[in-house]
Amino acid sequence: MKSSFLTVLVAFLAILMGLYPLIYLGLDESTGFQSSKLPELLGSSVWKICFYGHIIFGGLSLLSGWSQFVSKWRNRNLRLHRSLGLLYLISVSLSGLCGLYLAFFANGGLISSLGFGSLAILWLITTWKAYQSIVAKKIEEHQRWMLRSYALTFAAVTLRLWLPALTGLGIAFIVAYKIISWLSWVPNLLVVEWLIKRTGAKPGYNSIRASKQ
């Protein structure tokens, strides 16, 4: 029961946050995340392209990635699984590169830039490792790298859970933002590494379920 709830919760949060970029279609630069940026930066076409590229393709990464770990669905829909996998690879590549550029201008200065920059680099590396391993027909290795990759993709969700939690404790926004530049993804990756070792390096939601029983 707990494992089923976990699967549903992950899927719900992934879909909800995957659709989140749609909000920005109706917002102007005076509201939302953009309101925290200097006018000079908002006037940069490169920054704007990277900002929208990051959130749109990041959303697609969340939407296309979560179902890949549901074994029963995956085994019954291998062609769709491969198509979604390709969409995920392209989406992560574009969002990750855009995110790496945006990291240089992150709120909070060097600490935030290093946190989000490290996230972007590891996101790209783990995703391409997953692709290389499936091309080499190393299925279990592919699944392990996909778990790591999606743990980093899920940072988009955990960031938006941690930030209000920290500010709700009275921590100043800019201090909280520096913290979540690392807190949004490091615990995700550590949990996945623990699960991989706990389940004998047999990844996927089924393995996660097994560890909960």
N, C-alpha and C. Protein backbone atom coordinates (compact mmCIF):
# COMPACT_ATOMS: atom_id res chain seq x y z
N MET A 1 0.82 -1.21 0.00
CA MET A 1 0.00 0.00 0.00
C MET A 1 0.86 1.26 0.00
N LYS A 2 1.90 1.25 0.87
CA LYS A 2 2.78 2.42 0.93
C LYS A 2 3.49 2.64 -0.40
N SER A 3 3.94 1.55 -1.02
CA SER A 3 4.67 1.66 -2.28
C SER A 3 3.77 2.16 -3.39
N SER A 4 2.51 1.73 -3.42
CA SER A 4 1.55 2.20 -4.42
C SER A 4 1.29 3.68 -4.24
N PHE A 5 1.18 4.09 -2.98
CA PHE A 5 0.97 5.51 -2.69
C PHE A 5 2.17 6.33 -3.15
N LEU A 6 3.39 5.80 -2.94
CA LEU A 6 4.60 6.49 -3.36
C LEU A 6 4.62 6.69 -4.88
N THR A 7 4.25 5.65 -5.61
CA THR A 7 4.22 5.73 -7.07
C THR A 7 3.22 6.78 -7.54
N VAL A 8 2.03 6.75 -6.95
CA VAL A 8 0.99 7.72 -7.32
C VAL A 8 1.43 9.14 -6.97
N LEU A 9 2.06 9.29 -5.81
CA LEU A 9 2.51 10.61 -5.37
C LEU A 9 3.57 11.18 -6.31
N VAL A 10 4.55 10.34 -6.67
CA VAL A 10 5.60 10.77 -7.60
C VAL A 10 4.99 11.17 -8.94
N ALA A 11 4.07 10.34 -9.45
CA ALA A 11 3.44 10.64 -10.73
C ALA A 11 2.64 11.93 -10.66
N PHE A 12 1.88 12.11 -9.58
CA PHE A 12 1.06 13.31 -9.42
C PHE A 12 1.92 14.58 -9.39
N LEU A 13 2.97 14.55 -8.58
CA LEU A 13 3.85 15.72 -8.47
C LEU A 13 4.59 16.00 -9.78
N ALA A 14 5.00 14.93 -10.47
CA ALA A 14 5.70 15.09 -11.75
C ALA A 14 4.79 15.73 -12.79
N ILE A 15 3.54 15.27 -12.85
CA ILE A 15 2.60 15.83 -13.83
C ILE A 15 2.25 17.27 -13.47
N LEU A 16 2.00 17.50 -12.19
CA LEU A 16 1.65 18.86 -11.74
C LEU A 16 2.76 19.85 -12.06
N MET A 17 4.00 19.47 -11.72
CA MET A 17 5.12 20.37 -11.97
C MET A 17 5.50 20.39 -13.45
N GLY A 18 5.23 19.31 -14.16
CA GLY A 18 5.50 19.29 -15.60
C GLY A 18 4.64 20.29 -16.35
N LEU A 19 3.43 20.54 -15.83
CA LEU A 19 2.52 21.50 -16.45
C LEU A 19 2.74 22.92 -15.93
N TYR A 20 3.55 23.05 -14.91
CA TYR A 20 3.79 24.36 -14.27
C TYR A 20 4.25 25.45 -15.23
N PRO A 21 5.12 25.14 -16.22
CA PRO A 21 5.57 26.20 -17.14
C PRO A 21 4.44 26.90 -17.88
N LEU A 22 3.27 26.25 -17.99
CA LEU A 22 2.14 26.88 -18.67
C LEU A 22 1.72 28.17 -17.97
N ILE A 23 1.98 28.26 -16.67
CA ILE A 23 1.62 29.46 -15.92
C ILE A 23 2.31 30.68 -16.49
N TYR A 24 3.56 30.49 -16.94
CA TYR A 24 4.35 31.62 -17.42
C TYR A 24 3.84 32.19 -18.74
N LEU A 25 2.98 31.44 -19.41
CA LEU A 25 2.42 31.95 -20.65
C LEU A 25 1.49 33.13 -20.40
N GLY A 26 0.95 33.20 -19.18
CA GLY A 26 0.02 34.28 -18.86
C GLY A 26 0.60 35.32 -17.92
N LEU A 27 1.90 35.23 -17.60
CA LEU A 27 2.53 36.17 -16.69
C LEU A 27 3.42 37.15 -17.43
N ASP A 28 3.53 38.36 -16.90
CA ASP A 28 4.49 39.30 -17.47
C ASP A 28 5.73 39.31 -16.57
N GLU A 29 6.71 40.12 -16.92
CA GLU A 29 7.99 40.09 -16.23
C GLU A 29 7.95 40.70 -14.84
N SER A 30 6.83 41.34 -14.48
CA SER A 30 6.72 41.96 -13.17
C SER A 30 6.24 40.98 -12.09
N THR A 31 5.93 39.76 -12.49
CA THR A 31 5.43 38.77 -11.55
C THR A 31 6.24 37.47 -11.67
N GLY A 32 6.08 36.61 -10.68
CA GLY A 32 6.74 35.31 -10.72
C GLY A 32 8.25 35.42 -10.56
N PHE A 33 8.95 34.38 -11.00
CA PHE A 33 10.40 34.29 -10.84
C PHE A 33 11.12 35.43 -11.54
N GLN A 34 10.60 35.88 -12.66
CA GLN A 34 11.26 36.93 -13.43
C GLN A 34 11.33 38.26 -12.69
N SER A 35 10.40 38.48 -11.75
CA SER A 35 10.38 39.74 -11.02
C SER A 35 11.60 39.91 -10.12
N SER A 36 12.33 38.80 -9.86
CA SER A 36 13.52 38.88 -9.01
C SER A 36 14.77 39.21 -9.81
N LYS A 37 14.65 39.34 -11.12
CA LYS A 37 15.81 39.59 -11.98
C LYS A 37 15.93 41.06 -12.36
N LEU A 38 17.18 41.48 -12.59
CA LEU A 38 17.44 42.87 -12.98
C LEU A 38 16.90 43.14 -14.38
N PRO A 39 16.46 44.37 -14.65
CA PRO A 39 15.94 44.72 -15.98
C PRO A 39 16.94 44.43 -17.10
N GLU A 40 18.24 44.63 -16.80
CA GLU A 40 19.25 44.39 -17.83
C GLU A 40 19.27 42.92 -18.25
N LEU A 41 19.06 42.03 -17.28
CA LEU A 41 19.05 40.60 -17.58
C LEU A 41 17.78 40.22 -18.33
N LEU A 42 16.65 40.79 -17.91
CA LEU A 42 15.39 40.50 -18.58
C LEU A 42 15.39 41.01 -20.01
N GLY A 43 16.25 42.00 -20.28
CA GLY A 43 16.35 42.54 -21.63
C GLY A 43 17.22 41.72 -22.55
N SER A 44 17.88 40.69 -21.99
CA SER A 44 18.76 39.84 -22.79
C SER A 44 17.95 38.76 -23.50
N SER A 45 18.03 38.71 -24.82
CA SER A 45 17.30 37.70 -25.58
C SER A 45 17.85 36.30 -25.30
N VAL A 46 19.17 36.20 -25.06
CA VAL A 46 19.77 34.90 -24.77
C VAL A 46 19.23 34.35 -23.45
N TRP A 47 19.18 35.22 -22.43
CA TRP A 47 18.66 34.79 -21.13
C TRP A 47 17.20 34.37 -21.25
N LYS A 48 16.41 35.12 -21.99
CA LYS A 48 14.99 34.77 -22.15
C LYS A 48 14.81 33.44 -22.85
N ILE A 49 15.58 33.22 -23.91
CA ILE A 49 15.50 31.94 -24.63
C ILE A 49 15.86 30.79 -23.71
N CYS A 50 16.93 30.96 -22.93
CA CYS A 50 17.36 29.91 -22.03
C CYS A 50 16.36 29.71 -20.89
N PHE A 51 15.77 30.79 -20.41
CA PHE A 51 14.79 30.67 -19.32
C PHE A 51 13.58 29.86 -19.78
N TYR A 52 13.01 30.23 -20.91
CA TYR A 52 11.83 29.51 -21.40
C TYR A 52 12.20 28.10 -21.88
N GLY A 53 13.39 27.97 -22.46
CA GLY A 53 13.84 26.65 -22.88
C GLY A 53 14.01 25.72 -21.68
N HIS A 54 14.54 26.27 -20.59
CA HIS A 54 14.77 25.47 -19.39
C HIS A 54 13.46 25.00 -18.77
N ILE A 55 12.51 25.89 -18.61
CA ILE A 55 11.27 25.50 -17.92
C ILE A 55 10.37 24.64 -18.82
N ILE A 56 10.33 24.93 -20.12
CA ILE A 56 9.47 24.16 -21.02
C ILE A 56 10.00 22.73 -21.19
N PHE A 57 11.28 22.61 -21.52
CA PHE A 57 11.83 21.28 -21.73
C PHE A 57 12.04 20.54 -20.40
N GLY A 58 12.22 21.31 -19.31
CA GLY A 58 12.26 20.68 -17.99
C GLY A 58 10.91 20.06 -17.65
N GLY A 59 9.83 20.78 -18.01
CA GLY A 59 8.49 20.25 -17.82
C GLY A 59 8.26 18.99 -18.62
N LEU A 60 8.73 18.98 -19.86
CA LEU A 60 8.59 17.79 -20.70
C LEU A 60 9.40 16.62 -20.13
N SER A 61 10.52 16.92 -19.51
CA SER A 61 11.33 15.87 -18.88
C SER A 61 10.55 15.21 -17.75
N LEU A 62 9.91 16.01 -16.94
CA LEU A 62 9.10 15.46 -15.85
C LEU A 62 7.94 14.63 -16.39
N LEU A 63 7.26 15.16 -17.41
CA LEU A 63 6.08 14.49 -17.95
C LEU A 63 6.42 13.18 -18.67
N SER A 64 7.55 13.15 -19.36
CA SER A 64 7.91 11.97 -20.16
C SER A 64 8.70 10.94 -19.37
N GLY A 65 9.22 11.32 -18.21
CA GLY A 65 10.12 10.43 -17.48
C GLY A 65 9.50 9.49 -16.49
N TRP A 66 8.49 9.94 -15.76
CA TRP A 66 8.02 9.14 -14.62
C TRP A 66 7.44 7.78 -15.04
N SER A 67 6.73 7.73 -16.16
CA SER A 67 6.08 6.47 -16.57
C SER A 67 7.09 5.41 -17.00
N GLN A 68 8.32 5.83 -17.29
CA GLN A 68 9.34 4.90 -17.74
C GLN A 68 9.72 3.87 -16.68
N PHE A 69 9.41 4.17 -15.43
CA PHE A 69 9.80 3.29 -14.33
C PHE A 69 8.68 2.34 -13.91
N VAL A 70 7.52 2.45 -14.52
CA VAL A 70 6.41 1.54 -14.20
C VAL A 70 6.55 0.31 -15.10
N SER A 71 7.06 -0.76 -14.53
CA SER A 71 7.48 -1.93 -15.31
C SER A 71 6.36 -2.53 -16.16
N LYS A 72 5.18 -2.71 -15.59
CA LYS A 72 4.09 -3.34 -16.32
C LYS A 72 3.71 -2.52 -17.55
N TRP A 73 3.61 -1.23 -17.36
CA TRP A 73 3.28 -0.35 -18.49
C TRP A 73 4.38 -0.37 -19.52
N ARG A 74 5.64 -0.30 -19.05
CA ARG A 74 6.79 -0.25 -19.95
C ARG A 74 6.88 -1.51 -20.80
N ASN A 75 6.69 -2.67 -20.18
CA ASN A 75 6.82 -3.93 -20.91
C ASN A 75 5.71 -4.14 -21.94
N ARG A 76 4.55 -3.54 -21.71
CA ARG A 76 3.43 -3.67 -22.63
C ARG A 76 3.47 -2.63 -23.76
N ASN A 77 4.30 -1.61 -23.59
CA ASN A 77 4.33 -0.52 -24.56
C ASN A 77 5.77 -0.15 -24.89
N LEU A 78 6.53 -1.10 -25.39
CA LEU A 78 7.95 -0.88 -25.63
C LEU A 78 8.21 0.20 -26.67
N ARG A 79 7.38 0.24 -27.72
CA ARG A 79 7.59 1.26 -28.75
C ARG A 79 7.36 2.66 -28.18
N LEU A 80 6.28 2.80 -27.41
CA LEU A 80 6.01 4.10 -26.79
C LEU A 80 7.07 4.43 -25.75
N HIS A 81 7.54 3.41 -25.04
CA HIS A 81 8.61 3.60 -24.07
C HIS A 81 9.85 4.19 -24.74
N ARG A 82 10.20 3.65 -25.91
CA ARG A 82 11.38 4.16 -26.62
C ARG A 82 11.14 5.59 -27.10
N SER A 83 9.94 5.88 -27.58
CA SER A 83 9.64 7.23 -28.05
C SER A 83 9.69 8.24 -26.91
N LEU A 84 9.13 7.87 -25.76
CA LEU A 84 9.18 8.76 -24.60
C LEU A 84 10.61 8.90 -24.09
N GLY A 85 11.37 7.82 -24.20
CA GLY A 85 12.77 7.88 -23.79
C GLY A 85 13.56 8.86 -24.64
N LEU A 86 13.28 8.87 -25.95
CA LEU A 86 13.95 9.81 -26.85
C LEU A 86 13.53 11.24 -26.54
N LEU A 87 12.23 11.42 -26.27
CA LEU A 87 11.74 12.75 -25.90
C LEU A 87 12.40 13.22 -24.61
N TYR A 88 12.56 12.31 -23.67
CA TYR A 88 13.20 12.62 -22.39
C TYR A 88 14.65 13.04 -22.61
N LEU A 89 15.36 12.27 -23.44
CA LEU A 89 16.77 12.58 -23.72
C LEU A 89 16.92 13.97 -24.33
N ILE A 90 16.10 14.28 -25.32
CA ILE A 90 16.17 15.58 -25.98
C ILE A 90 15.79 16.70 -25.01
N SER A 91 14.73 16.47 -24.23
CA SER A 91 14.25 17.48 -23.30
C SER A 91 15.28 17.79 -22.22
N VAL A 92 15.88 16.74 -21.65
CA VAL A 92 16.91 16.95 -20.63
C VAL A 92 18.12 17.68 -21.21
N SER A 93 18.52 17.28 -22.41
CA SER A 93 19.69 17.91 -23.05
C SER A 93 19.48 19.41 -23.23
N LEU A 94 18.31 19.78 -23.75
CA LEU A 94 18.03 21.20 -23.99
C LEU A 94 17.83 21.96 -22.68
N SER A 95 17.04 21.38 -21.78
CA SER A 95 16.79 22.05 -20.50
C SER A 95 18.07 22.14 -19.67
N GLY A 96 18.88 21.09 -19.70
CA GLY A 96 20.12 21.08 -18.93
C GLY A 96 21.12 22.12 -19.42
N LEU A 97 21.26 22.24 -20.73
CA LEU A 97 22.17 23.24 -21.29
C LEU A 97 21.69 24.66 -20.97
N CYS A 98 20.38 24.86 -21.09
CA CYS A 98 19.81 26.17 -20.74
C CYS A 98 19.99 26.44 -19.25
N GLY A 99 19.78 25.42 -18.42
CA GLY A 99 19.93 25.57 -16.98
C GLY A 99 21.36 25.89 -16.59
N LEU A 100 22.31 25.30 -17.29
CA LEU A 100 23.72 25.58 -17.01
C LEU A 100 24.04 27.04 -17.28
N TYR A 101 23.49 27.58 -18.35
CA TYR A 101 23.69 29.01 -18.65
C TYR A 101 23.03 29.87 -17.58
N LEU A 102 21.80 29.53 -17.21
CA LEU A 102 21.06 30.31 -16.22
C LEU A 102 21.75 30.29 -14.86
N ALA A 103 22.48 29.22 -14.56
CA ALA A 103 23.13 29.09 -13.26
C ALA A 103 24.12 30.22 -13.01
N PHE A 104 24.71 30.75 -14.06
CA PHE A 104 25.66 31.85 -13.91
C PHE A 104 24.98 33.12 -13.39
N PHE A 105 23.66 33.19 -13.51
CA PHE A 105 22.92 34.39 -13.10
C PHE A 105 21.95 34.08 -11.97
N ALA A 106 22.20 32.99 -11.24
CA ALA A 106 21.29 32.55 -10.19
C ALA A 106 21.23 33.55 -9.04
N ASN A 107 20.05 33.72 -8.47
CA ASN A 107 19.90 34.52 -7.26
C ASN A 107 20.73 33.89 -6.15
N GLY A 108 21.44 34.72 -5.40
CA GLY A 108 22.24 34.20 -4.30
C GLY A 108 23.72 34.11 -4.60
N GLY A 109 24.13 34.47 -5.81
CA GLY A 109 25.54 34.54 -6.13
C GLY A 109 26.23 33.20 -6.32
N LEU A 110 27.48 33.11 -5.89
CA LEU A 110 28.34 31.98 -6.19
C LEU A 110 27.81 30.65 -5.65
N ILE A 111 27.29 30.66 -4.42
CA ILE A 111 26.80 29.41 -3.83
C ILE A 111 25.67 28.82 -4.65
N SER A 112 24.73 29.66 -5.03
CA SER A 112 23.61 29.20 -5.86
C SER A 112 24.08 28.78 -7.24
N SER A 113 24.99 29.55 -7.81
CA SER A 113 25.49 29.23 -9.15
C SER A 113 26.18 27.87 -9.16
N LEU A 114 26.98 27.60 -8.13
CA LEU A 114 27.66 26.30 -8.04
C LEU A 114 26.65 25.17 -7.84
N GLY A 115 25.64 25.42 -7.01
CA GLY A 115 24.64 24.39 -6.76
C GLY A 115 23.85 24.03 -8.00
N PHE A 116 23.29 25.04 -8.65
CA PHE A 116 22.48 24.78 -9.84
C PHE A 116 23.33 24.38 -11.04
N GLY A 117 24.55 24.91 -11.09
CA GLY A 117 25.46 24.51 -12.17
C GLY A 117 25.85 23.05 -12.05
N SER A 118 26.13 22.60 -10.83
CA SER A 118 26.46 21.19 -10.60
C SER A 118 25.28 20.30 -10.95
N LEU A 119 24.08 20.74 -10.58
CA LEU A 119 22.86 20.00 -10.92
C LEU A 119 22.74 19.83 -12.43
N ALA A 120 22.92 20.91 -13.17
CA ALA A 120 22.78 20.86 -14.63
C ALA A 120 23.80 19.90 -15.25
N ILE A 121 25.04 19.97 -14.79
CA ILE A 121 26.09 19.11 -15.35
C ILE A 121 25.82 17.64 -15.06
N LEU A 122 25.48 17.33 -13.82
CA LEU A 122 25.19 15.94 -13.45
C LEU A 122 23.94 15.42 -14.14
N TRP A 123 22.97 16.28 -14.33
CA TRP A 123 21.74 15.91 -15.03
C TRP A 123 22.05 15.47 -16.46
N LEU A 124 22.89 16.26 -17.13
CA LEU A 124 23.30 15.92 -18.50
C LEU A 124 24.11 14.63 -18.53
N ILE A 125 25.05 14.49 -17.60
CA ILE A 125 25.91 13.31 -17.59
C ILE A 125 25.12 12.04 -17.34
N THR A 126 24.27 12.03 -16.31
CA THR A 126 23.51 10.82 -15.97
C THR A 126 22.56 10.42 -17.09
N THR A 127 21.96 11.41 -17.74
CA THR A 127 21.02 11.12 -18.81
C THR A 127 21.73 10.52 -20.03
N TRP A 128 22.87 11.08 -20.37
CA TRP A 128 23.60 10.54 -21.52
C TRP A 128 24.25 9.20 -21.19
N LYS A 129 24.59 8.97 -19.93
CA LYS A 129 25.06 7.65 -19.52
C LYS A 129 23.95 6.62 -19.70
N ALA A 130 22.74 7.03 -19.37
CA ALA A 130 21.58 6.13 -19.55
C ALA A 130 21.39 5.80 -21.03
N TYR A 131 21.54 6.79 -21.88
CA TYR A 131 21.40 6.58 -23.32
C TYR A 131 22.51 5.66 -23.85
N GLN A 132 23.74 5.93 -23.46
CA GLN A 132 24.86 5.11 -23.93
C GLN A 132 24.72 3.66 -23.50
N SER A 133 24.24 3.44 -22.29
CA SER A 133 24.11 2.08 -21.80
C SER A 133 23.00 1.31 -22.51
N ILE A 134 21.90 1.99 -22.88
CA ILE A 134 20.84 1.27 -23.60
C ILE A 134 21.25 0.98 -25.03
N VAL A 135 22.04 1.87 -25.63
CA VAL A 135 22.57 1.60 -26.97
C VAL A 135 23.48 0.37 -26.94
N ALA A 136 24.21 0.22 -25.82
CA ALA A 136 25.09 -0.94 -25.66
C ALA A 136 24.33 -2.16 -25.15
N LYS A 137 23.00 -2.02 -25.02
CA LYS A 137 22.12 -3.11 -24.56
C LYS A 137 22.44 -3.57 -23.14
N LYS A 138 22.91 -2.65 -22.33
CA LYS A 138 23.15 -2.92 -20.91
C LYS A 138 21.92 -2.43 -20.14
N ILE A 139 20.91 -3.28 -20.05
CA ILE A 139 19.59 -2.88 -19.57
C ILE A 139 19.62 -2.41 -18.11
N GLU A 140 20.21 -3.22 -17.23
CA GLU A 140 20.21 -2.85 -15.82
C GLU A 140 21.03 -1.59 -15.58
N GLU A 141 22.14 -1.45 -16.28
CA GLU A 141 22.94 -0.24 -16.16
C GLU A 141 22.15 0.96 -16.65
N HIS A 142 21.43 0.79 -17.74
CA HIS A 142 20.58 1.85 -18.27
C HIS A 142 19.54 2.29 -17.24
N GLN A 143 18.91 1.32 -16.59
CA GLN A 143 17.89 1.64 -15.61
C GLN A 143 18.46 2.36 -14.40
N ARG A 144 19.65 1.96 -13.98
CA ARG A 144 20.29 2.63 -12.85
C ARG A 144 20.59 4.09 -13.17
N TRP A 145 21.12 4.32 -14.38
CA TRP A 145 21.43 5.69 -14.75
C TRP A 145 20.15 6.53 -14.94
N MET A 146 19.09 5.88 -15.41
CA MET A 146 17.82 6.59 -15.54
C MET A 146 17.25 6.98 -14.18
N LEU A 147 17.41 6.12 -13.20
CA LEU A 147 16.97 6.47 -11.85
C LEU A 147 17.73 7.70 -11.34
N ARG A 148 19.02 7.71 -11.56
CA ARG A 148 19.82 8.87 -11.13
C ARG A 148 19.40 10.12 -11.89
N SER A 149 19.20 9.97 -13.19
CA SER A 149 18.80 11.10 -14.01
C SER A 149 17.47 11.68 -13.55
N TYR A 150 16.50 10.79 -13.31
CA TYR A 150 15.18 11.29 -12.94
C TYR A 150 15.16 11.85 -11.52
N ALA A 151 16.03 11.36 -10.66
CA ALA A 151 16.17 11.94 -9.33
C ALA A 151 16.57 13.41 -9.45
N LEU A 152 17.42 13.70 -10.44
CA LEU A 152 17.84 15.09 -10.69
C LEU A 152 16.74 15.88 -11.39
N THR A 153 16.01 15.23 -12.28
CA THR A 153 14.86 15.88 -12.90
C THR A 153 13.87 16.30 -11.84
N PHE A 154 13.68 15.44 -10.84
CA PHE A 154 12.70 15.68 -9.78
C PHE A 154 13.11 16.82 -8.86
N ALA A 155 14.31 17.35 -9.05
CA ALA A 155 14.74 18.53 -8.28
C ALA A 155 13.80 19.70 -8.53
N ALA A 156 13.16 19.74 -9.70
CA ALA A 156 12.19 20.80 -9.99
C ALA A 156 11.02 20.74 -9.03
N VAL A 157 10.69 19.54 -8.58
CA VAL A 157 9.59 19.35 -7.63
C VAL A 157 10.06 19.65 -6.21
N THR A 158 11.18 19.03 -5.81
CA THR A 158 11.64 19.18 -4.43
C THR A 158 12.06 20.62 -4.13
N LEU A 159 12.54 21.35 -5.14
CA LEU A 159 12.87 22.76 -4.95
C LEU A 159 11.64 23.53 -4.48
N ARG A 160 10.52 23.26 -5.12
CA ARG A 160 9.29 23.99 -4.80
C ARG A 160 8.60 23.48 -3.55
N LEU A 161 9.10 22.39 -2.99
CA LEU A 161 8.63 21.91 -1.69
C LEU A 161 9.49 22.47 -0.57
N TRP A 162 10.81 22.48 -0.81
CA TRP A 162 11.73 22.96 0.21
C TRP A 162 11.70 24.47 0.40
N LEU A 163 11.57 25.22 -0.68
CA LEU A 163 11.65 26.68 -0.58
C LEU A 163 10.58 27.27 0.34
N PRO A 164 9.29 26.95 0.15
CA PRO A 164 8.29 27.49 1.08
C PRO A 164 8.46 26.94 2.49
N ALA A 165 8.97 25.70 2.61
CA ALA A 165 9.19 25.12 3.94
C ALA A 165 10.25 25.92 4.71
N LEU A 166 11.34 26.26 4.02
CA LEU A 166 12.42 27.01 4.67
C LEU A 166 12.02 28.44 4.98
N THR A 167 11.38 29.09 4.03
CA THR A 167 10.93 30.47 4.28
C THR A 167 9.84 30.49 5.35
N GLY A 168 9.05 29.42 5.41
CA GLY A 168 8.02 29.32 6.44
C GLY A 168 8.61 29.22 7.83
N LEU A 169 9.85 28.75 7.93
CA LEU A 169 10.55 28.66 9.21
C LEU A 169 11.19 29.99 9.59
N GLY A 170 11.01 31.00 8.75
CA GLY A 170 11.56 32.31 9.05
C GLY A 170 12.91 32.59 8.43
N ILE A 171 13.40 31.66 7.58
CA ILE A 171 14.68 31.88 6.91
C ILE A 171 14.47 32.85 5.76
N ALA A 172 15.33 33.83 5.65
CA ALA A 172 15.23 34.83 4.59
C ALA A 172 15.26 34.16 3.23
N PHE A 173 14.50 34.70 2.28
CA PHE A 173 14.37 34.06 0.97
C PHE A 173 15.71 33.81 0.31
N ILE A 174 16.59 34.79 0.31
CA ILE A 174 17.85 34.63 -0.42
C ILE A 174 18.73 33.57 0.24
N VAL A 175 18.66 33.46 1.57
CA VAL A 175 19.42 32.43 2.28
C VAL A 175 18.82 31.06 1.97
N ALA A 176 17.49 30.99 1.99
CA ALA A 176 16.80 29.73 1.67
C ALA A 176 17.12 29.30 0.25
N TYR A 177 17.21 30.26 -0.67
CA TYR A 177 17.47 29.95 -2.06
C TYR A 177 18.87 29.36 -2.24
N LYS A 178 19.82 29.89 -1.48
CA LYS A 178 21.18 29.33 -1.53
C LYS A 178 21.18 27.89 -1.03
N ILE A 179 20.42 27.64 0.02
CA ILE A 179 20.36 26.30 0.59
C ILE A 179 19.72 25.32 -0.39
N ILE A 180 18.58 25.73 -0.98
CA ILE A 180 17.87 24.78 -1.86
C ILE A 180 18.57 24.59 -3.21
N SER A 181 19.54 25.44 -3.53
CA SER A 181 20.31 25.19 -4.76
C SER A 181 21.07 23.86 -4.65
N TRP A 182 21.27 23.39 -3.43
CA TRP A 182 21.88 22.09 -3.18
C TRP A 182 20.86 21.09 -2.61
N LEU A 183 20.01 21.59 -1.69
CA LEU A 183 19.05 20.71 -1.02
C LEU A 183 18.01 20.14 -1.98
N SER A 184 17.77 20.83 -3.09
CA SER A 184 16.74 20.38 -4.04
C SER A 184 17.13 19.10 -4.77
N TRP A 185 18.44 18.79 -4.82
CA TRP A 185 18.86 17.63 -5.62
C TRP A 185 19.82 16.65 -4.94
N VAL A 186 20.63 17.11 -4.02
CA VAL A 186 21.58 16.20 -3.37
C VAL A 186 20.87 15.08 -2.61
N PRO A 187 19.86 15.38 -1.76
CA PRO A 187 19.15 14.28 -1.08
C PRO A 187 18.47 13.32 -2.05
N ASN A 188 17.92 13.85 -3.15
CA ASN A 188 17.29 12.98 -4.17
C ASN A 188 18.27 11.94 -4.66
N LEU A 189 19.47 12.39 -4.98
CA LEU A 189 20.49 11.50 -5.53
C LEU A 189 20.96 10.49 -4.49
N LEU A 190 21.09 10.93 -3.25
CA LEU A 190 21.52 10.03 -2.19
C LEU A 190 20.48 8.94 -1.93
N VAL A 191 19.21 9.31 -1.95
CA VAL A 191 18.14 8.33 -1.75
C VAL A 191 18.15 7.28 -2.85
N VAL A 192 18.31 7.72 -4.09
CA VAL A 192 18.34 6.78 -5.22
C VAL A 192 19.54 5.85 -5.12
N GLU A 193 20.70 6.38 -4.75
CA GLU A 193 21.88 5.53 -4.61
C GLU A 193 21.66 4.49 -3.52
N TRP A 194 21.02 4.89 -2.42
CA TRP A 194 20.71 3.95 -1.34
C TRP A 194 19.74 2.87 -1.81
N LEU A 195 18.73 3.26 -2.58
CA LEU A 195 17.76 2.30 -3.09
C LEU A 195 18.38 1.31 -4.05
N ILE A 196 19.27 1.80 -4.91
CA ILE A 196 19.96 0.90 -5.86
C ILE A 196 20.77 -0.15 -5.11
N LYS A 197 21.49 0.28 -4.07
CA LYS A 197 22.29 -0.66 -3.29
C LYS A 197 21.40 -1.58 -2.46
N ARG A 198 20.33 -1.03 -1.93
CA ARG A 198 19.41 -1.82 -1.07
C ARG A 198 18.72 -2.93 -1.86
N THR A 199 18.43 -2.67 -3.12
CA THR A 199 17.69 -3.65 -3.92
C THR A 199 18.60 -4.49 -4.81
N GLY A 200 19.88 -4.51 -4.51
CA GLY A 200 20.80 -5.34 -5.29
C GLY A 200 21.03 -4.81 -6.69
N ALA A 201 20.97 -3.48 -6.84
CA ALA A 201 21.21 -2.84 -8.14
C ALA A 201 20.21 -3.28 -9.20
N LYS A 202 18.97 -3.55 -8.77
CA LYS A 202 17.90 -3.87 -9.71
C LYS A 202 16.90 -2.74 -9.66
N PRO A 203 17.04 -1.76 -10.56
CA PRO A 203 16.29 -0.53 -10.45
C PRO A 203 14.87 -0.62 -10.98
N GLY A 204 14.17 0.51 -10.82
CA GLY A 204 12.79 0.61 -11.29
C GLY A 204 11.86 0.72 -10.11
N TYR A 205 10.65 1.16 -10.34
CA TYR A 205 9.71 1.32 -9.24
C TYR A 205 9.38 0.00 -8.56
N ASN A 206 9.45 -1.10 -9.31
CA ASN A 206 9.19 -2.38 -8.68
C ASN A 206 10.22 -2.68 -7.60
N SER A 207 11.47 -2.31 -7.88
CA SER A 207 12.53 -2.51 -6.89
C SER A 207 12.32 -1.62 -5.69
N ILE A 208 11.87 -0.39 -5.94
CA ILE A 208 11.61 0.53 -4.86
C ILE A 208 10.49 -0.02 -3.99
N ARG A 209 9.49 -0.58 -4.63
CA ARG A 209 8.39 -1.19 -3.88
C ARG A 209 8.90 -2.32 -2.98
N ALA A 210 9.80 -3.13 -3.57
CA ALA A 210 10.30 -4.28 -2.83
C ALA A 210 11.02 -3.85 -1.56
N SER A 211 11.73 -2.72 -1.64
CA SER A 211 12.50 -2.25 -0.49
C SER A 211 11.59 -1.72 0.60
N LYS A 212 10.34 -1.38 0.24
CA LYS A 212 9.41 -0.83 1.20
C LYS A 212 8.61 -1.91 1.91
N GLN A 213 8.60 -3.10 1.38
CA GLN A 213 7.77 -4.16 1.92
C GLN A 213 8.37 -4.76 3.20
